[in-house]
Amino acid sequence: MFSDFNPFLEILITAPIGYVAIIILLRVSGKRTLAKWNSFDFVVTIALGSVLASILLSTKDAFGKGILAFALLILFQYVITWISVRSSIIQKLIKAEPAMLLYRGKMQQDIMKRERVAEGEILAALRSNGLSAIEDADAVILETDGSFSVIQNLNDSSASALKDVREFDRTRMARAN
């Protein structure tokens, strides 16, 4: 695009334009594009960063191609999330399921190993929610975005917010026996 320009001047010109372009594209694409990340979102975000770096550092005419790549990546992100909201099969392919790491004050060691979560991480989640004892938590859930939810008062019969936690029914049934 700027073949006769000094490479530093080219970066000084293309960087602000590329930055503004990605901001506009992200705003147009909606809040979901910038929501807490799952693995799909992480890949898209890394790809966007890579495209921006290519635009800024390429000596060839990468600007137009870079803006097109931004638009395509954001379009793919939009289409996949649009489909996943309407299809549970696609949603399961893209998003992980939440996992119950602690139930009624007991660490679920097999689930913790599978999810690669250390006991200290659960303890930190309890502390950050103002709890000083494991027994004060009825459940700790590892959410699909990697965050922890701490539930203090769990009513097994009306725990509708836990319907997508696969281990909830299994853990509850094992406790009942």
N, C-alpha and C. Protein backbone atom coordinates (compact mmCIF):
# COMPACT_ATOMS: atom_id res chain seq x y z
N MET A 1 0.83 -1.20 0.00
CA MET A 1 0.00 0.00 0.00
C MET A 1 0.87 1.26 0.00
N PHE A 2 1.92 1.24 0.81
CA PHE A 2 2.79 2.41 0.92
C PHE A 2 4.21 2.02 0.52
N SER A 3 4.41 1.48 -0.68
CA SER A 3 5.70 0.92 -1.05
C SER A 3 6.82 1.96 -1.10
N ASP A 4 6.48 3.22 -1.33
CA ASP A 4 7.51 4.25 -1.40
C ASP A 4 7.78 4.91 -0.05
N PHE A 5 7.07 4.49 1.00
CA PHE A 5 7.20 5.10 2.31
C PHE A 5 8.33 4.45 3.11
N ASN A 6 8.82 5.19 4.05
CA ASN A 6 9.73 4.66 5.06
C ASN A 6 8.95 3.63 5.86
N PRO A 7 9.54 2.44 6.15
CA PRO A 7 8.78 1.40 6.87
C PRO A 7 8.25 1.87 8.23
N PHE A 8 8.97 2.76 8.91
CA PHE A 8 8.50 3.26 10.20
C PHE A 8 7.30 4.19 10.03
N LEU A 9 7.35 4.99 8.99
CA LEU A 9 6.23 5.88 8.70
C LEU A 9 5.00 5.05 8.30
N GLU A 10 5.23 3.97 7.55
CA GLU A 10 4.14 3.08 7.17
C GLU A 10 3.44 2.51 8.40
N ILE A 11 4.22 2.08 9.40
CA ILE A 11 3.64 1.55 10.64
C ILE A 11 2.88 2.65 11.38
N LEU A 12 3.44 3.85 11.39
CA LEU A 12 2.77 4.97 12.06
C LEU A 12 1.43 5.31 11.41
N ILE A 13 1.31 5.02 10.12
CA ILE A 13 0.05 5.30 9.41
C ILE A 13 -0.91 4.11 9.54
N THR A 14 -0.41 2.89 9.30
CA THR A 14 -1.30 1.72 9.27
C THR A 14 -1.77 1.28 10.66
N ALA A 15 -0.95 1.49 11.69
CA ALA A 15 -1.33 1.06 13.03
C ALA A 15 -2.62 1.72 13.51
N PRO A 16 -2.71 3.05 13.45
CA PRO A 16 -3.97 3.67 13.91
C PRO A 16 -5.17 3.27 13.05
N ILE A 17 -4.96 3.16 11.75
CA ILE A 17 -6.07 2.78 10.86
C ILE A 17 -6.50 1.35 11.17
N GLY A 18 -5.55 0.43 11.33
CA GLY A 18 -5.86 -0.96 11.66
C GLY A 18 -6.54 -1.07 13.01
N TYR A 19 -6.06 -0.29 13.96
CA TYR A 19 -6.63 -0.29 15.31
C TYR A 19 -8.08 0.17 15.28
N VAL A 20 -8.33 1.27 14.60
CA VAL A 20 -9.69 1.80 14.49
C VAL A 20 -10.58 0.80 13.74
N ALA A 21 -10.05 0.18 12.69
CA ALA A 21 -10.83 -0.79 11.92
C ALA A 21 -11.26 -1.97 12.78
N ILE A 22 -10.35 -2.50 13.58
CA ILE A 22 -10.71 -3.65 14.42
C ILE A 22 -11.70 -3.24 15.50
N ILE A 23 -11.56 -2.04 16.05
CA ILE A 23 -12.52 -1.56 17.06
C ILE A 23 -13.91 -1.44 16.43
N ILE A 24 -13.99 -0.87 15.24
CA ILE A 24 -15.29 -0.72 14.57
C ILE A 24 -15.90 -2.09 14.27
N LEU A 25 -15.09 -3.00 13.73
CA LEU A 25 -15.60 -4.34 13.41
C LEU A 25 -16.07 -5.08 14.67
N LEU A 26 -15.33 -4.94 15.75
CA LEU A 26 -15.74 -5.60 17.00
C LEU A 26 -17.01 -5.00 17.57
N ARG A 27 -17.16 -3.68 17.47
CA ARG A 27 -18.37 -3.03 17.97
C ARG A 27 -19.58 -3.45 17.14
N VAL A 28 -19.41 -3.52 15.83
CA VAL A 28 -20.50 -3.91 14.94
C VAL A 28 -20.91 -5.36 15.19
N SER A 29 -19.95 -6.21 15.52
CA SER A 29 -20.23 -7.64 15.70
C SER A 29 -20.98 -7.95 16.99
N GLY A 30 -21.00 -7.03 17.94
CA GLY A 30 -21.80 -7.22 19.15
C GLY A 30 -20.99 -7.67 20.35
N LYS A 31 -21.66 -7.70 21.49
CA LYS A 31 -21.02 -8.00 22.77
C LYS A 31 -20.46 -9.40 22.83
N ARG A 32 -21.09 -10.34 22.17
CA ARG A 32 -20.68 -11.74 22.26
C ARG A 32 -19.23 -11.95 21.81
N THR A 33 -18.78 -11.17 20.86
CA THR A 33 -17.41 -11.31 20.36
C THR A 33 -16.39 -11.06 21.46
N LEU A 34 -16.72 -10.20 22.41
CA LEU A 34 -15.79 -9.86 23.47
C LEU A 34 -16.18 -10.46 24.82
N ALA A 35 -17.08 -11.43 24.81
CA ALA A 35 -17.49 -12.07 26.06
C ALA A 35 -16.34 -12.89 26.64
N LYS A 36 -16.56 -13.42 27.84
CA LYS A 36 -15.54 -14.28 28.43
C LYS A 36 -15.22 -15.41 27.46
N TRP A 37 -13.97 -15.75 27.41
CA TRP A 37 -13.51 -16.66 26.37
C TRP A 37 -13.77 -18.12 26.66
N ASN A 38 -14.15 -18.85 25.61
CA ASN A 38 -14.02 -20.29 25.60
C ASN A 38 -12.90 -20.58 24.61
N SER A 39 -12.63 -21.81 24.29
CA SER A 39 -11.49 -22.11 23.42
C SER A 39 -11.67 -21.52 22.03
N PHE A 40 -12.89 -21.52 21.51
CA PHE A 40 -13.15 -20.92 20.20
C PHE A 40 -12.85 -19.43 20.21
N ASP A 41 -13.32 -18.73 21.24
CA ASP A 41 -13.08 -17.30 21.35
C ASP A 41 -11.59 -16.99 21.46
N PHE A 42 -10.88 -17.83 22.19
CA PHE A 42 -9.44 -17.65 22.35
C PHE A 42 -8.73 -17.74 21.00
N VAL A 43 -9.09 -18.74 20.20
CA VAL A 43 -8.48 -18.90 18.88
C VAL A 43 -8.76 -17.70 18.00
N VAL A 44 -10.01 -17.23 18.01
CA VAL A 44 -10.36 -16.06 17.19
C VAL A 44 -9.57 -14.84 17.64
N THR A 45 -9.45 -14.65 18.94
CA THR A 45 -8.72 -13.49 19.46
C THR A 45 -7.25 -13.54 19.08
N ILE A 46 -6.64 -14.70 19.21
CA ILE A 46 -5.23 -14.85 18.82
C ILE A 46 -5.08 -14.60 17.33
N ALA A 47 -6.01 -15.11 16.54
CA ALA A 47 -5.94 -14.90 15.09
C ALA A 47 -6.07 -13.41 14.75
N LEU A 48 -6.96 -12.70 15.46
CA LEU A 48 -7.09 -11.26 15.22
C LEU A 48 -5.79 -10.53 15.53
N GLY A 49 -5.15 -10.91 16.63
CA GLY A 49 -3.86 -10.30 16.97
C GLY A 49 -2.80 -10.59 15.92
N SER A 50 -2.81 -11.80 15.42
CA SER A 50 -1.84 -12.19 14.39
C SER A 50 -2.07 -11.39 13.10
N VAL A 51 -3.32 -11.23 12.74
CA VAL A 51 -3.63 -10.45 11.53
C VAL A 51 -3.18 -9.00 11.72
N LEU A 52 -3.45 -8.43 12.88
CA LEU A 52 -3.02 -7.04 13.14
C LEU A 52 -1.51 -6.93 13.05
N ALA A 53 -0.79 -7.89 13.61
CA ALA A 53 0.67 -7.86 13.52
C ALA A 53 1.12 -7.96 12.07
N SER A 54 0.46 -8.80 11.29
CA SER A 54 0.82 -8.91 9.87
C SER A 54 0.60 -7.61 9.13
N ILE A 55 -0.49 -6.95 9.42
CA ILE A 55 -0.77 -5.65 8.78
C ILE A 55 0.32 -4.65 9.11
N LEU A 56 0.70 -4.62 10.39
CA LEU A 56 1.66 -3.61 10.83
C LEU A 56 3.08 -3.89 10.35
N LEU A 57 3.45 -5.15 10.24
CA LEU A 57 4.84 -5.48 9.98
C LEU A 57 5.13 -5.97 8.57
N SER A 58 4.12 -6.17 7.78
CA SER A 58 4.33 -6.69 6.43
C SER A 58 4.89 -5.60 5.53
N THR A 59 5.81 -6.01 4.67
CA THR A 59 6.36 -5.07 3.71
C THR A 59 5.55 -5.07 2.43
N LYS A 60 4.71 -6.07 2.26
CA LYS A 60 3.85 -6.13 1.08
C LYS A 60 2.51 -5.47 1.40
N ASP A 61 1.66 -5.40 0.41
CA ASP A 61 0.35 -4.78 0.58
C ASP A 61 -0.58 -5.70 1.36
N ALA A 62 -0.42 -5.69 2.68
CA ALA A 62 -1.22 -6.56 3.53
C ALA A 62 -2.39 -5.84 4.17
N PHE A 63 -2.48 -4.55 4.00
CA PHE A 63 -3.51 -3.79 4.70
C PHE A 63 -4.92 -4.21 4.30
N GLY A 64 -5.23 -4.20 3.03
CA GLY A 64 -6.56 -4.59 2.55
C GLY A 64 -6.87 -6.03 2.90
N LYS A 65 -5.88 -6.90 2.73
CA LYS A 65 -6.07 -8.30 3.08
C LYS A 65 -6.29 -8.46 4.58
N GLY A 66 -5.59 -7.66 5.36
CA GLY A 66 -5.74 -7.74 6.81
C GLY A 66 -7.11 -7.31 7.27
N ILE A 67 -7.63 -6.23 6.72
CA ILE A 67 -8.96 -5.76 7.08
C ILE A 67 -10.00 -6.81 6.67
N LEU A 68 -9.81 -7.41 5.48
CA LEU A 68 -10.71 -8.49 5.05
C LEU A 68 -10.62 -9.68 6.00
N ALA A 69 -9.41 -10.02 6.44
CA ALA A 69 -9.23 -11.13 7.38
C ALA A 69 -9.91 -10.82 8.71
N PHE A 70 -9.78 -9.57 9.20
CA PHE A 70 -10.50 -9.16 10.42
C PHE A 70 -12.00 -9.42 10.25
N ALA A 71 -12.53 -8.91 9.16
CA ALA A 71 -13.97 -9.03 8.92
C ALA A 71 -14.40 -10.50 8.84
N LEU A 72 -13.61 -11.33 8.15
CA LEU A 72 -13.95 -12.75 8.04
C LEU A 72 -13.90 -13.46 9.38
N LEU A 73 -12.86 -13.19 10.17
CA LEU A 73 -12.76 -13.83 11.48
C LEU A 73 -13.93 -13.44 12.38
N ILE A 74 -14.28 -12.18 12.37
CA ILE A 74 -15.41 -11.73 13.19
C ILE A 74 -16.72 -12.29 12.64
N LEU A 75 -16.85 -12.37 11.32
CA LEU A 75 -18.03 -12.99 10.73
C LEU A 75 -18.13 -14.46 11.13
N PHE A 76 -17.02 -15.20 11.05
CA PHE A 76 -17.02 -16.60 11.46
C PHE A 76 -17.43 -16.72 12.93
N GLN A 77 -16.88 -15.87 13.77
CA GLN A 77 -17.20 -15.87 15.20
C GLN A 77 -18.70 -15.62 15.39
N TYR A 78 -19.24 -14.67 14.66
CA TYR A 78 -20.66 -14.33 14.76
C TYR A 78 -21.53 -15.51 14.30
N VAL A 79 -21.20 -16.08 13.15
CA VAL A 79 -21.99 -17.18 12.60
C VAL A 79 -21.95 -18.41 13.52
N ILE A 80 -20.76 -18.77 13.99
CA ILE A 80 -20.65 -19.94 14.86
C ILE A 80 -21.44 -19.73 16.15
N THR A 81 -21.33 -18.56 16.76
CA THR A 81 -22.08 -18.33 18.00
C THR A 81 -23.58 -18.25 17.72
N TRP A 82 -23.98 -17.70 16.58
CA TRP A 82 -25.39 -17.65 16.21
C TRP A 82 -25.94 -19.07 16.07
N ILE A 83 -25.20 -19.93 15.39
CA ILE A 83 -25.62 -21.32 15.21
C ILE A 83 -25.62 -22.06 16.55
N SER A 84 -24.59 -21.82 17.38
CA SER A 84 -24.50 -22.56 18.64
C SER A 84 -25.63 -22.23 19.59
N VAL A 85 -26.17 -21.02 19.51
CA VAL A 85 -27.31 -20.65 20.35
C VAL A 85 -28.55 -21.42 19.90
N ARG A 86 -28.60 -21.80 18.65
CA ARG A 86 -29.77 -22.48 18.10
C ARG A 86 -29.59 -24.00 17.99
N SER A 87 -28.38 -24.50 18.20
CA SER A 87 -28.12 -25.93 18.07
C SER A 87 -27.31 -26.43 19.25
N SER A 88 -27.90 -27.32 20.03
CA SER A 88 -27.18 -27.85 21.19
C SER A 88 -25.99 -28.71 20.75
N ILE A 89 -26.06 -29.33 19.59
CA ILE A 89 -24.94 -30.15 19.10
C ILE A 89 -23.73 -29.26 18.82
N ILE A 90 -23.94 -28.16 18.13
CA ILE A 90 -22.84 -27.23 17.83
C ILE A 90 -22.33 -26.61 19.13
N GLN A 91 -23.24 -26.27 20.03
CA GLN A 91 -22.82 -25.67 21.30
C GLN A 91 -21.92 -26.63 22.07
N LYS A 92 -22.26 -27.91 22.08
CA LYS A 92 -21.42 -28.89 22.78
C LYS A 92 -20.06 -29.06 22.13
N LEU A 93 -19.99 -28.88 20.80
CA LEU A 93 -18.70 -28.96 20.11
C LEU A 93 -17.80 -27.78 20.45
N ILE A 94 -18.41 -26.61 20.65
CA ILE A 94 -17.64 -25.38 20.86
C ILE A 94 -17.35 -25.12 22.32
N LYS A 95 -18.32 -25.35 23.19
CA LYS A 95 -18.16 -25.01 24.60
C LYS A 95 -18.03 -26.25 25.46
N ALA A 96 -17.20 -26.14 26.46
CA ALA A 96 -17.07 -27.21 27.44
C ALA A 96 -18.28 -27.17 28.37
N GLU A 97 -18.49 -28.25 29.10
CA GLU A 97 -19.56 -28.28 30.10
C GLU A 97 -19.00 -27.80 31.43
N PRO A 98 -19.84 -27.17 32.25
CA PRO A 98 -19.39 -26.84 33.60
C PRO A 98 -19.16 -28.13 34.39
N ALA A 99 -18.28 -28.08 35.36
CA ALA A 99 -17.93 -29.27 36.14
C ALA A 99 -18.03 -28.98 37.64
N MET A 100 -18.62 -29.91 38.38
CA MET A 100 -18.75 -29.75 39.83
C MET A 100 -17.47 -30.25 40.51
N LEU A 101 -16.76 -29.34 41.14
CA LEU A 101 -15.48 -29.66 41.77
C LEU A 101 -15.62 -29.95 43.26
N LEU A 102 -16.64 -29.41 43.87
CA LEU A 102 -16.88 -29.60 45.30
C LEU A 102 -18.38 -29.74 45.48
N TYR A 103 -18.78 -30.72 46.29
CA TYR A 103 -20.20 -30.92 46.56
C TYR A 103 -20.39 -31.20 48.05
N ARG A 104 -21.19 -30.36 48.66
CA ARG A 104 -21.50 -30.49 50.09
C ARG A 104 -20.25 -30.62 50.95
N GLY A 105 -19.27 -29.74 50.68
CA GLY A 105 -18.06 -29.69 51.48
C GLY A 105 -17.02 -30.74 51.14
N LYS A 106 -17.25 -31.58 50.11
CA LYS A 106 -16.29 -32.63 49.74
C LYS A 106 -15.73 -32.36 48.35
N MET A 107 -14.41 -32.37 48.28
CA MET A 107 -13.73 -32.21 47.00
C MET A 107 -14.03 -33.44 46.13
N GLN A 108 -14.30 -33.21 44.87
CA GLN A 108 -14.56 -34.29 43.92
C GLN A 108 -13.25 -34.57 43.17
N GLN A 109 -12.40 -35.38 43.77
CA GLN A 109 -11.03 -35.59 43.29
C GLN A 109 -10.96 -36.07 41.85
N ASP A 110 -11.83 -37.00 41.46
CA ASP A 110 -11.79 -37.51 40.09
C ASP A 110 -12.09 -36.41 39.07
N ILE A 111 -13.05 -35.57 39.40
CA ILE A 111 -13.40 -34.47 38.50
C ILE A 111 -12.29 -33.42 38.49
N MET A 112 -11.72 -33.15 39.67
CA MET A 112 -10.62 -32.19 39.75
C MET A 112 -9.44 -32.64 38.89
N LYS A 113 -9.13 -33.93 38.92
CA LYS A 113 -8.03 -34.45 38.09
C LYS A 113 -8.36 -34.32 36.61
N ARG A 114 -9.58 -34.69 36.25
CA ARG A 114 -9.98 -34.61 34.85
C ARG A 114 -9.92 -33.18 34.33
N GLU A 115 -10.32 -32.24 35.17
CA GLU A 115 -10.34 -30.82 34.77
C GLU A 115 -9.02 -30.11 35.04
N ARG A 116 -8.07 -30.82 35.65
CA ARG A 116 -6.74 -30.27 35.97
C ARG A 116 -6.85 -29.04 36.88
N VAL A 117 -7.60 -29.20 37.95
CA VAL A 117 -7.79 -28.13 38.94
C VAL A 117 -7.18 -28.60 40.25
N ALA A 118 -6.31 -27.78 40.80
CA ALA A 118 -5.68 -28.09 42.09
C ALA A 118 -6.58 -27.66 43.23
N GLU A 119 -6.42 -28.33 44.35
CA GLU A 119 -7.20 -28.00 45.54
C GLU A 119 -7.04 -26.54 45.93
N GLY A 120 -5.83 -26.03 45.79
CA GLY A 120 -5.57 -24.63 46.14
C GLY A 120 -6.40 -23.64 45.33
N GLU A 121 -6.71 -23.99 44.09
CA GLU A 121 -7.54 -23.10 43.28
C GLU A 121 -8.97 -23.04 43.82
N ILE A 122 -9.47 -24.18 44.28
CA ILE A 122 -10.81 -24.21 44.87
C ILE A 122 -10.82 -23.43 46.18
N LEU A 123 -9.78 -23.62 46.98
CA LEU A 123 -9.68 -22.88 48.24
C LEU A 123 -9.64 -21.38 47.98
N ALA A 124 -8.91 -20.98 46.96
CA ALA A 124 -8.84 -19.55 46.61
C ALA A 124 -10.22 -19.04 46.19
N ALA A 125 -10.97 -19.84 45.43
CA ALA A 125 -12.32 -19.44 45.02
C ALA A 125 -13.23 -19.27 46.24
N LEU A 126 -13.09 -20.18 47.20
CA LEU A 126 -13.89 -20.06 48.43
C LEU A 126 -13.55 -18.78 49.18
N ARG A 127 -12.24 -18.53 49.33
CA ARG A 127 -11.82 -17.32 50.05
C ARG A 127 -12.29 -16.06 49.34
N SER A 128 -12.19 -16.05 48.03
CA SER A 128 -12.59 -14.83 47.30
C SER A 128 -14.09 -14.60 47.38
N ASN A 129 -14.84 -15.62 47.78
CA ASN A 129 -16.28 -15.47 47.99
C ASN A 129 -16.62 -15.32 49.46
N GLY A 130 -15.61 -15.04 50.28
CA GLY A 130 -15.84 -14.75 51.69
C GLY A 130 -16.03 -15.96 52.58
N LEU A 131 -15.68 -17.14 52.11
CA LEU A 131 -15.84 -18.35 52.92
C LEU A 131 -14.50 -18.75 53.52
N SER A 132 -14.53 -19.16 54.77
CA SER A 132 -13.29 -19.56 55.43
C SER A 132 -13.21 -21.06 55.65
N ALA A 133 -14.29 -21.79 55.36
CA ALA A 133 -14.30 -23.24 55.56
C ALA A 133 -14.92 -23.93 54.36
N ILE A 134 -14.33 -25.04 53.95
CA ILE A 134 -14.85 -25.84 52.83
C ILE A 134 -16.29 -26.24 53.10
N GLU A 135 -16.57 -26.58 54.34
CA GLU A 135 -17.90 -27.05 54.71
C GLU A 135 -18.99 -25.98 54.52
N ASP A 136 -18.59 -24.72 54.41
CA ASP A 136 -19.56 -23.64 54.22
C ASP A 136 -20.07 -23.55 52.78
N ALA A 137 -19.43 -24.29 51.87
CA ALA A 137 -19.84 -24.27 50.46
C ALA A 137 -20.59 -25.55 50.14
N ASP A 138 -21.73 -25.41 49.51
CA ASP A 138 -22.46 -26.59 49.06
C ASP A 138 -21.94 -27.07 47.71
N ALA A 139 -21.41 -26.14 46.91
CA ALA A 139 -20.88 -26.53 45.60
C ALA A 139 -19.89 -25.50 45.10
N VAL A 140 -18.91 -25.99 44.36
CA VAL A 140 -18.02 -25.12 43.58
C VAL A 140 -18.04 -25.69 42.17
N ILE A 141 -18.36 -24.83 41.21
CA ILE A 141 -18.49 -25.22 39.82
C ILE A 141 -17.38 -24.56 39.01
N LEU A 142 -16.68 -25.35 38.18
CA LEU A 142 -15.76 -24.80 37.19
C LEU A 142 -16.59 -24.48 35.97
N GLU A 143 -16.72 -23.19 35.65
CA GLU A 143 -17.58 -22.76 34.55
C GLU A 143 -16.88 -22.95 33.20
N THR A 144 -17.63 -22.79 32.14
CA THR A 144 -17.10 -23.04 30.79
C THR A 144 -16.00 -22.05 30.39
N ASP A 145 -15.96 -20.91 31.05
CA ASP A 145 -14.92 -19.92 30.74
C ASP A 145 -13.71 -20.03 31.67
N GLY A 146 -13.70 -21.05 32.54
CA GLY A 146 -12.58 -21.26 33.45
C GLY A 146 -12.73 -20.59 34.80
N SER A 147 -13.80 -19.83 35.01
CA SER A 147 -14.02 -19.19 36.30
C SER A 147 -14.69 -20.18 37.25
N PHE A 148 -14.71 -19.82 38.54
CA PHE A 148 -15.32 -20.67 39.55
C PHE A 148 -16.58 -19.99 40.09
N SER A 149 -17.64 -20.78 40.23
CA SER A 149 -18.85 -20.31 40.90
C SER A 149 -18.94 -21.04 42.23
N VAL A 150 -19.19 -20.30 43.28
CA VAL A 150 -19.32 -20.88 44.62
C VAL A 150 -20.77 -20.72 45.05
N ILE A 151 -21.39 -21.85 45.41
CA ILE A 151 -22.78 -21.85 45.84
C ILE A 151 -22.81 -22.23 47.31
N GLN A 152 -23.38 -21.34 48.10
CA GLN A 152 -23.42 -21.58 49.55
C GLN A 152 -24.65 -22.36 49.98
N ASN A 153 -25.78 -22.04 49.45
CA ASN A 153 -27.02 -22.69 49.88
C ASN A 153 -27.65 -23.40 48.68
N LEU A 154 -27.41 -24.68 48.60
CA LEU A 154 -27.89 -25.47 47.48
C LEU A 154 -29.09 -26.29 47.89
N ASN A 155 -30.20 -26.03 47.24
CA ASN A 155 -31.41 -26.82 47.45
C ASN A 155 -31.47 -27.83 46.31
N ASP A 156 -31.17 -29.09 46.61
CA ASP A 156 -31.10 -30.13 45.57
C ASP A 156 -32.36 -30.24 44.74
N SER A 157 -33.51 -30.03 45.34
CA SER A 157 -34.76 -30.23 44.62
C SER A 157 -35.07 -29.11 43.63
N SER A 158 -34.52 -27.94 43.83
CA SER A 158 -34.82 -26.82 42.93
C SER A 158 -33.56 -26.20 42.34
N ALA A 159 -32.53 -26.97 42.15
CA ALA A 159 -31.25 -26.45 41.66
C ALA A 159 -31.25 -26.35 40.13
N SER A 160 -32.17 -25.58 39.59
CA SER A 160 -32.32 -25.48 38.14
C SER A 160 -31.11 -24.84 37.46
N ALA A 161 -30.35 -24.05 38.17
CA ALA A 161 -29.15 -23.44 37.58
C ALA A 161 -28.04 -24.45 37.37
N LEU A 162 -28.20 -25.64 37.94
CA LEU A 162 -27.19 -26.69 37.80
C LEU A 162 -27.58 -27.76 36.78
N LYS A 163 -28.64 -27.52 36.01
CA LYS A 163 -29.11 -28.54 35.08
C LYS A 163 -28.10 -28.89 33.99
N ASP A 164 -27.19 -27.99 33.67
CA ASP A 164 -26.18 -28.29 32.65
C ASP A 164 -24.87 -28.82 33.24
N VAL A 165 -24.84 -29.02 34.55
CA VAL A 165 -23.65 -29.58 35.22
C VAL A 165 -23.84 -31.10 35.27
N ARG A 166 -23.14 -31.79 34.39
CA ARG A 166 -23.33 -33.23 34.23
C ARG A 166 -23.17 -33.99 35.55
N GLU A 167 -22.21 -33.60 36.36
CA GLU A 167 -21.93 -34.33 37.58
C GLU A 167 -22.95 -34.08 38.69
N PHE A 168 -23.77 -33.07 38.55
CA PHE A 168 -24.69 -32.73 39.63
C PHE A 168 -25.63 -33.89 39.95
N ASP A 169 -26.30 -34.43 38.95
CA ASP A 169 -27.21 -35.55 39.20
C ASP A 169 -26.46 -36.77 39.72
N ARG A 170 -25.30 -37.07 39.15
CA ARG A 170 -24.52 -38.23 39.58
C ARG A 170 -24.09 -38.07 41.04
N THR A 171 -23.59 -36.91 41.40
CA THR A 171 -23.12 -36.64 42.75
C THR A 171 -24.28 -36.67 43.75
N ARG A 172 -25.39 -36.08 43.35
CA ARG A 172 -26.57 -36.02 44.22
C ARG A 172 -27.12 -37.43 44.46
N MET A 173 -27.16 -38.23 43.39
CA MET A 173 -27.67 -39.60 43.53
C MET A 173 -26.75 -40.46 44.41
N ALA A 174 -25.45 -40.30 44.24
CA ALA A 174 -24.49 -41.07 45.05
C ALA A 174 -24.63 -40.69 46.52
N ARG A 175 -24.89 -39.42 46.79
CA ARG A 175 -25.06 -38.96 48.17
C ARG A 175 -26.33 -39.51 48.80
N ALA A 176 -27.37 -39.67 47.96
CA ALA A 176 -28.66 -40.15 48.46
C ALA A 176 -28.59 -41.63 48.86
N ASN A 177 -27.69 -42.38 48.22
CA ASN A 177 -27.59 -43.82 48.52
C ASN A 177 -26.79 -44.11 49.75
